[in-house]
């Protein structure tokens, strides 16, 4: 008798569900508030409506919870995944090669000059951060190294990753120079720039792949069209510092914002005396070598010594190759690397393009 009653009860319950158009596996509809993944958060409020995540964790603060985000450590609202390997372009080391853990060629390093602050506060904001994320250089010679939304450690973690080292000059300079590196920074400091009051020359020694260390200087010369003589003074001071403190049997690179008005300036001629200025001059896809925001002056440079320039190799970004390096302008780069947007290089307050070169320093 009890068995008959239980059977009838099950039949009635199942009939009731079918009557209302539901199956036993469907989530209930409570006034339009479905919960498909049954995690206690309705679909309308759930940042992963098809995967249970009751804690709604979202480390990168984009619109996707960690449980369903294809790049949970780096904001990527578009969830771009060009190679369809399940790893978002924003954190995929090989966004065009499915299933590849690393597409970096052994011994090849990329070096960027970056004065990519924007807005009104000479600080890094979302557009400049996206450019760093998309191009993912190994070493950045950075200017105006400020971040108003947190610490510089926060900025480096967001733009490039927690595995990167960094150095910023001291003294509470208003627009400091610095160095960011995927490889260990084994020594760092600053040399005085007597021509400007708010930054100096930031130098570092980096333990790159191979047997030879890389010595770098991040610079930001005096601006304006009437200061060519002062820029030459800076170039001479830099030559003296490098000859005094760096090992000329090791790799050397100077990078940053030289604020040059043209390539005939005496400052560039001074740099030609101890660095390899002219062998490989980067350009954009249209052949333009100018790097200021209006694209009519050669402000920004990555300049190696002869020893390092002997290892120059074409720069590869995704499926694109740049024989002499790249002046990156998001407005002329077809389908820029995620998460870069086409207008990022020309937002209000952005005065410079990023410049990159590649070097094969170890076999």
Protein backbone atom coordinates (compact mmCIF):
# COMPACT_ATOMS: atom_id res chain seq x y z
CA UNK A 1 0.00 0.00 0.00
CA UNK A 2 2.79 2.43 0.93
CA UNK A 3 4.63 1.54 -2.28
CA UNK A 4 1.52 2.40 -4.35
CA UNK A 5 1.14 5.76 -2.59
CA UNK A 6 4.82 6.66 -3.18
CA UNK A 7 4.54 5.76 -6.87
CA UNK A 8 1.41 7.91 -7.28
CA UNK A 9 3.13 10.79 -5.43
CA UNK A 10 6.16 10.68 -7.74
CA UNK A 11 3.87 10.61 -10.78
CA UNK A 12 1.92 13.62 -9.53
CA UNK A 13 5.09 15.61 -8.83
CA UNK A 14 6.51 14.84 -12.28
CA UNK A 15 3.19 15.72 -13.92
CA UNK A 16 3.20 19.04 -12.09
CA UNK A 17 6.64 19.89 -13.37
CA UNK A 18 5.70 18.97 -16.93
CA UNK A 19 2.48 20.95 -16.65
CA UNK A 20 4.46 24.11 -15.99
CA UNK A 21 6.91 23.40 -18.82
CA UNK A 22 9.85 22.44 -16.59
CA UNK A 23 11.97 19.35 -16.26
CA UNK A 24 13.56 18.14 -13.08
CA UNK A 25 16.96 19.45 -14.26
CA UNK A 26 15.88 23.00 -15.14
CA UNK A 27 16.49 25.92 -12.81
CA UNK A 28 13.33 27.46 -11.40
CA UNK A 29 12.06 30.75 -12.76
CA UNK A 30 11.16 32.95 -9.82
CA UNK A 31 9.69 36.03 -11.39
CA UNK A 32 12.26 36.06 -14.19
CA UNK A 33 15.20 35.41 -11.81
CA UNK A 34 16.73 32.25 -13.25
CA UNK A 35 19.78 30.60 -11.71
CA UNK A 36 21.04 28.17 -14.36
CA UNK A 37 24.17 27.10 -12.50
CA UNK A 38 22.34 26.78 -9.14
CA UNK A 39 25.01 28.67 -7.19
CA UNK A 40 22.57 30.90 -5.34
CA UNK A 41 23.22 33.94 -7.57
CA UNK A 42 20.58 34.74 -10.16
CA UNK A 43 21.64 34.85 -13.81
CA UNK A 44 21.00 38.58 -14.04
CA UNK A 45 23.53 39.21 -11.25
CA UNK A 46 25.89 36.26 -11.83
CA UNK A 47 29.28 37.06 -13.43
CA UNK A 48 29.43 33.40 -14.56
CA UNK A 49 25.79 32.35 -15.11
CA UNK A 50 26.71 28.96 -16.61
CA UNK A 51 29.37 27.95 -14.08
CA UNK A 52 28.78 27.71 -10.36
CA UNK A 53 30.79 30.34 -8.47
CA UNK A 54 28.93 31.39 -5.33
CA UNK A 55 31.83 33.61 -4.19
CA UNK A 56 31.68 35.64 -7.49
CA UNK A 57 35.49 36.06 -7.36
CA UNK A 58 36.76 38.47 -10.05
CA UNK A 59 40.45 39.22 -9.58
CA UNK A 60 40.87 41.48 -12.62
CA UNK A 61 37.60 43.41 -12.03
CA UNK A 62 36.29 42.90 -15.55
CA UNK A 63 32.78 41.67 -16.36
CA UNK A 64 33.63 37.97 -16.08
CA UNK A 65 34.16 36.00 -12.88
CA UNK A 66 37.37 34.05 -12.43
CA UNK A 67 35.51 30.75 -12.90
CA UNK A 68 34.65 31.55 -16.54
CA UNK A 69 37.25 34.22 -17.46
CA UNK A 70 39.73 33.10 -20.12
CA UNK A 71 42.28 35.50 -18.62
CA UNK A 72 41.44 35.91 -14.91
CA UNK A 73 44.63 37.79 -14.03
CA UNK A 74 44.30 40.61 -16.60
CA UNK A 75 41.23 42.66 -17.48
CA UNK A 76 39.83 41.65 -20.88
CA UNK A 77 36.17 42.55 -21.23
CA UNK A 78 36.10 41.42 -24.86
CA UNK A 79 37.39 37.91 -23.96
CA UNK A 80 39.38 37.95 -27.21
CA UNK A 81 40.94 34.58 -28.09
CA UNK A 82 42.27 34.69 -31.65
CA UNK A 83 43.75 31.18 -31.65
CA UNK A 84 40.75 29.63 -29.84
CA UNK A 85 42.93 27.81 -27.32
CA UNK A 86 40.92 28.87 -24.28
CA UNK A 87 43.57 31.36 -23.14
CA UNK A 88 42.55 34.98 -23.64
CA UNK A 89 44.74 37.11 -25.90
CA UNK A 90 45.45 39.48 -23.01
CA UNK A 91 47.48 36.83 -21.19
CA UNK A 92 48.36 34.37 -23.96
CA UNK A 93 52.12 34.45 -24.69
CA UNK A 94 51.33 33.15 -28.18
CA UNK A 95 47.93 34.58 -29.17
CA UNK A 96 48.24 33.27 -32.73
CA UNK A 97 49.54 29.78 -31.89
CA UNK A 98 47.05 27.44 -30.20
CA UNK A 99 48.49 25.08 -27.64
CA UNK A 100 51.86 26.84 -27.47
CA UNK A 101 53.10 27.73 -24.00
CA UNK A 102 55.76 30.15 -25.19
CA UNK A 103 56.46 31.57 -28.63
CA UNK A 104 59.46 33.59 -27.53
CA UNK A 105 62.52 32.48 -29.46
CA UNK A 106 65.40 31.41 -27.19
CA UNK A 107 67.76 34.27 -26.44
CA UNK A 108 65.67 37.00 -28.06
CA UNK A 109 64.82 40.00 -25.89
CA UNK A 110 62.62 42.98 -26.73
CA UNK A 111 63.35 46.48 -25.45
CA UNK A 112 60.83 49.32 -25.43
CA UNK A 113 61.09 53.06 -24.94
CA UNK A 114 57.85 54.15 -23.28
CA UNK A 115 56.68 57.64 -22.39
CA UNK A 116 53.03 56.57 -22.46
CA UNK A 117 51.46 58.67 -19.71
CA UNK A 118 48.19 60.38 -20.54
CA UNK A 119 45.56 62.64 -19.02
CA UNK A 120 46.43 65.72 -16.99
CA UNK A 121 48.68 64.27 -14.29
CA UNK A 122 51.72 62.88 -16.15
CA UNK A 123 50.76 59.39 -15.00
CA UNK A 124 49.97 56.02 -16.54
CA UNK A 125 46.30 55.46 -17.29
CA UNK A 126 44.33 52.76 -19.08
CA UNK A 127 45.47 53.53 -22.68
CA UNK A 128 49.19 53.38 -21.88
CA UNK A 129 48.68 50.30 -19.73
CA UNK A 130 46.86 48.54 -22.56
CA UNK A 131 49.75 49.29 -24.94
CA UNK A 132 52.21 47.73 -22.50
CA UNK A 133 49.92 44.72 -22.04
CA UNK A 134 49.45 44.15 -25.76
CA UNK A 135 53.10 44.53 -26.80
CA UNK A 136 54.49 42.77 -23.70
CA UNK A 137 58.13 43.94 -23.95
CA UNK A 138 60.84 42.19 -21.95
CA UNK A 139 62.50 45.44 -20.88
CA UNK A 140 60.94 48.90 -20.67
CA UNK A 141 62.91 52.14 -20.45
CA UNK A 142 60.07 54.16 -19.02
CA UNK A 143 59.48 57.89 -18.55
CA UNK A 144 56.96 59.77 -16.40
CA UNK A 145 56.81 56.65 -14.24
CA UNK A 146 53.78 57.64 -12.12
CA UNK A 147 50.56 55.82 -11.21
CA UNK A 148 47.70 57.52 -9.36
CA UNK A 149 45.54 54.40 -8.85
CA UNK A 150 47.99 52.54 -6.61
CA UNK A 151 51.68 51.81 -6.17
CA UNK A 152 54.22 51.38 -8.96
CA UNK A 153 54.26 47.70 -8.03
CA UNK A 154 50.53 47.67 -8.76
CA UNK A 155 51.16 49.32 -12.14
CA UNK A 156 53.88 46.87 -13.14
CA UNK A 157 51.78 43.88 -12.04
CA UNK A 158 48.80 45.14 -14.05
CA UNK A 159 50.67 46.20 -17.19
CA UNK A 160 53.24 43.40 -17.45
CA UNK A 161 53.01 40.93 -14.57
CA UNK A 162 54.24 40.25 -11.03
CA UNK A 163 57.30 38.44 -12.37
CA UNK A 164 58.80 41.73 -13.63
CA UNK A 165 61.42 43.67 -11.64
CA UNK A 166 61.43 47.45 -11.69
CA UNK A 167 63.51 50.43 -10.59
CA UNK A 168 62.49 54.08 -10.29
CA UNK A 169 64.84 56.94 -9.51
CA UNK A 170 64.51 58.41 -6.02
CA UNK A 171 64.25 61.94 -4.70
CA UNK A 172 60.51 62.37 -5.22
CA UNK A 173 61.04 63.58 -8.78
CA UNK A 174 57.85 64.88 -10.40
CA UNK A 175 58.24 62.85 -13.60
CA UNK A 176 60.79 60.14 -12.79
CA UNK A 177 62.52 57.79 -15.17
CA UNK A 178 62.67 54.07 -14.51
CA UNK A 179 63.39 50.58 -15.78
CA UNK A 180 61.09 47.54 -15.88
CA UNK A 181 62.51 44.11 -16.66
CA UNK A 182 61.34 40.53 -17.10
CA UNK A 183 64.89 39.55 -16.12
CA UNK A 184 66.56 40.23 -12.75
CA UNK A 185 67.84 43.76 -12.13
CA UNK A 186 71.14 43.16 -10.34
CA UNK A 187 72.13 46.81 -9.83
CA UNK A 188 70.45 50.18 -10.37
CA UNK A 189 70.76 53.85 -9.58
CA UNK A 190 70.63 57.33 -11.09
CA UNK A 191 72.98 59.86 -12.59
CA UNK A 192 72.30 63.57 -12.31
CA UNK A 193 70.69 65.42 -15.22
CA UNK A 194 71.70 69.03 -14.61
CA UNK A 195 69.47 70.44 -17.35
CA UNK A 196 66.08 69.56 -15.83
CA UNK A 197 64.77 69.83 -12.26
CA UNK A 198 62.30 66.95 -12.14
CA UNK A 199 64.10 63.79 -13.36
CA UNK A 200 67.57 62.27 -13.77
CA UNK A 201 69.12 59.43 -15.78
CA UNK A 202 67.91 56.08 -14.38
CA UNK A 203 70.36 53.23 -15.02
CA UNK A 204 70.30 49.50 -14.35
CA UNK A 205 72.29 46.33 -14.95
CA UNK A 206 70.12 43.38 -16.01
CA UNK A 207 70.96 39.68 -15.99
CA UNK A 208 69.61 38.75 -19.43
CA UNK A 209 69.96 35.32 -21.11
CA UNK A 210 73.49 34.51 -22.19
CA UNK A 211 76.85 35.35 -20.67
CA UNK A 212 76.85 39.14 -21.15
CA UNK A 213 74.87 41.50 -18.91
CA UNK A 214 72.75 44.33 -20.31
CA UNK A 215 73.42 47.87 -19.04
CA UNK A 216 70.54 50.28 -19.65
CA UNK A 217 69.79 53.97 -19.16
CA UNK A 218 66.31 55.50 -19.23
CA UNK A 219 66.43 59.19 -20.18
CA UNK A 220 64.09 62.13 -20.69
CA UNK A 221 65.92 65.08 -22.24
CA UNK A 222 64.87 68.73 -21.98
CA UNK A 223 61.90 69.60 -24.15
CA UNK A 224 60.95 72.53 -26.44
CA UNK A 225 62.38 73.80 -29.70
CA UNK A 226 64.74 76.33 -28.08
CA UNK A 227 66.65 73.80 -25.95
CA UNK A 228 68.81 71.98 -28.52
CA UNK A 229 71.97 73.14 -26.75
CA UNK A 230 70.74 71.86 -23.40
CA UNK A 231 69.87 68.50 -24.94
CA UNK A 232 73.41 68.29 -26.26
CA UNK A 233 74.69 69.00 -22.74
CA UNK A 234 72.60 66.05 -21.55
CA UNK A 235 74.00 63.81 -24.27
CA UNK A 236 77.56 64.78 -23.31
CA UNK A 237 76.87 64.15 -19.63
CA UNK A 238 75.38 60.78 -20.52
CA UNK A 239 78.46 59.88 -22.57
CA UNK A 240 80.68 60.77 -19.61
CA UNK A 241 78.59 58.72 -17.15
CA UNK A 242 78.51 55.67 -19.42
CA UNK A 243 82.25 55.76 -20.09
CA UNK A 244 82.93 56.16 -16.38
CA UNK A 245 80.54 53.61 -14.88
CA UNK A 246 79.58 51.04 -17.54
CA UNK A 247 81.62 48.16 -18.93
CA UNK A 248 82.16 48.79 -22.63
CA UNK A 249 82.70 45.06 -23.13
CA UNK A 250 79.07 44.44 -22.15
CA UNK A 251 75.79 45.35 -23.83
CA UNK A 252 74.59 48.95 -23.46
CA UNK A 253 71.31 50.54 -24.50
CA UNK A 254 70.00 54.07 -24.01
CA UNK A 255 66.29 54.60 -24.44
CA UNK A 256 63.64 57.16 -23.82
CA UNK A 257 62.30 60.54 -24.76
CA UNK A 258 65.07 62.63 -26.31
CA UNK A 259 62.66 65.43 -27.32
CA UNK A 260 64.61 65.93 -30.56
CA UNK A 261 63.19 68.36 -33.08
CA UNK A 262 65.01 66.66 -35.97
CA UNK A 263 67.68 64.03 -36.60
CA UNK A 264 70.35 66.66 -37.25
CA UNK A 265 70.40 67.94 -33.69
CA UNK A 266 73.80 68.10 -32.03
CA UNK A 267 72.57 65.84 -29.20
CA UNK A 268 72.01 62.98 -31.64
CA UNK A 269 75.41 63.60 -33.21
CA UNK A 270 76.96 63.33 -29.74
CA UNK A 271 75.17 60.03 -29.15
CA UNK A 272 76.46 58.80 -32.52
CA UNK A 273 79.96 59.08 -31.09
CA UNK A 274 79.47 56.15 -28.68
CA UNK A 275 76.19 54.44 -29.65
CA UNK A 276 74.80 52.85 -32.82
CA UNK A 277 72.13 55.38 -33.79
CA UNK A 278 71.51 54.83 -37.50
CA UNK A 279 71.86 51.12 -38.33
CA UNK A 280 68.31 50.19 -37.35
CA UNK A 281 65.75 52.98 -37.03
CA UNK A 282 62.23 51.71 -36.27
CA UNK A 283 59.16 52.84 -38.19
CA UNK A 284 55.43 52.17 -38.23
CA UNK A 285 53.48 50.26 -40.90
CA UNK A 286 53.37 53.38 -43.06
CA UNK A 287 57.12 53.92 -42.88
CA UNK A 288 56.89 56.87 -40.48
CA UNK A 289 59.81 57.13 -38.06
CA UNK A 290 58.49 60.11 -36.09
CA UNK A 291 57.29 59.29 -32.60
CA UNK A 292 55.55 62.30 -31.08
CA UNK A 293 51.76 62.22 -31.03
CA UNK A 294 51.27 64.48 -34.10
CA UNK A 295 53.82 62.18 -35.80
CA UNK A 296 56.18 64.89 -37.03
CA UNK A 297 59.20 64.77 -34.69
CA UNK A 298 61.71 62.04 -33.70
CA UNK A 299 61.27 62.17 -29.92
CA UNK A 300 61.67 58.56 -28.76
CA UNK A 301 64.55 56.15 -29.26
CA UNK A 302 66.05 52.77 -28.38
CA UNK A 303 69.80 53.13 -29.08
CA UNK A 304 72.24 50.23 -28.46
CA UNK A 305 76.00 50.21 -28.46
CA UNK A 306 77.73 48.45 -31.35
CA UNK A 307 78.11 45.21 -29.41
CA UNK A 308 74.37 44.96 -28.77
CA UNK A 309 73.43 46.22 -32.22
CA UNK A 310 75.41 43.35 -33.73
CA UNK A 311 72.71 41.09 -32.24
CA UNK A 312 69.79 43.07 -33.71
CA UNK A 313 67.05 40.84 -35.10
CA UNK A 314 63.65 41.57 -36.67
CA UNK A 315 60.92 42.23 -34.13
CA UNK A 316 57.97 39.84 -34.29
CA UNK A 317 54.55 40.68 -32.88
CA UNK A 318 51.99 37.97 -33.55
CA UNK A 319 52.26 37.27 -37.27
CA UNK A 320 53.82 40.67 -38.08
CA UNK A 321 57.56 41.22 -38.53
CA UNK A 322 59.41 44.55 -38.38
CA UNK A 323 63.00 44.36 -39.69
CA UNK A 324 64.29 47.50 -37.93
CA UNK A 325 61.90 47.52 -34.98
CA UNK A 326 58.56 49.24 -34.53
CA UNK A 327 57.15 52.67 -33.83
CA UNK A 328 53.81 51.56 -32.42
CA UNK A 329 50.83 53.73 -33.33
CA UNK A 330 47.55 52.01 -32.52
CA UNK A 331 45.75 54.11 -35.13
CA UNK A 332 47.79 52.70 -38.03
CA UNK A 333 48.25 49.15 -36.71
CA UNK A 334 45.64 46.85 -38.28
CA UNK A 335 44.02 44.74 -35.57
CA UNK A 336 46.35 45.82 -32.73
CA UNK A 337 47.27 43.16 -30.17
CA UNK A 338 44.63 42.69 -27.47
CA UNK A 339 43.69 44.52 -25.31
CA UNK A 340 44.96 47.60 -27.20
CA UNK A 341 42.27 49.78 -28.75
CA UNK A 342 42.81 51.69 -31.98
CA UNK A 343 42.60 55.11 -30.33
CA UNK A 344 44.97 54.43 -27.43
CA UNK A 345 48.01 56.16 -28.95
CA UNK A 346 46.09 59.40 -29.44
CA UNK A 347 44.01 59.91 -26.30
CA UNK A 348 44.14 63.26 -24.50
CA UNK A 349 47.52 63.81 -22.90
CA UNK A 350 49.30 61.00 -24.79
CA UNK A 351 52.32 62.70 -26.39
CA UNK A 352 54.47 59.78 -27.56
CA UNK A 353 54.47 56.48 -29.41
CA UNK A 354 56.07 53.35 -28.00
CA UNK A 355 59.29 52.25 -29.74
CA UNK A 356 60.52 48.63 -29.71
CA UNK A 357 63.51 46.64 -30.94
CA UNK A 358 64.55 43.00 -30.63
CA UNK A 359 67.99 41.49 -30.03
CA UNK A 360 69.14 37.88 -30.21
CA UNK A 361 71.58 37.99 -27.32
CA UNK A 362 71.99 34.22 -26.87
CA UNK A 363 71.78 31.28 -29.30
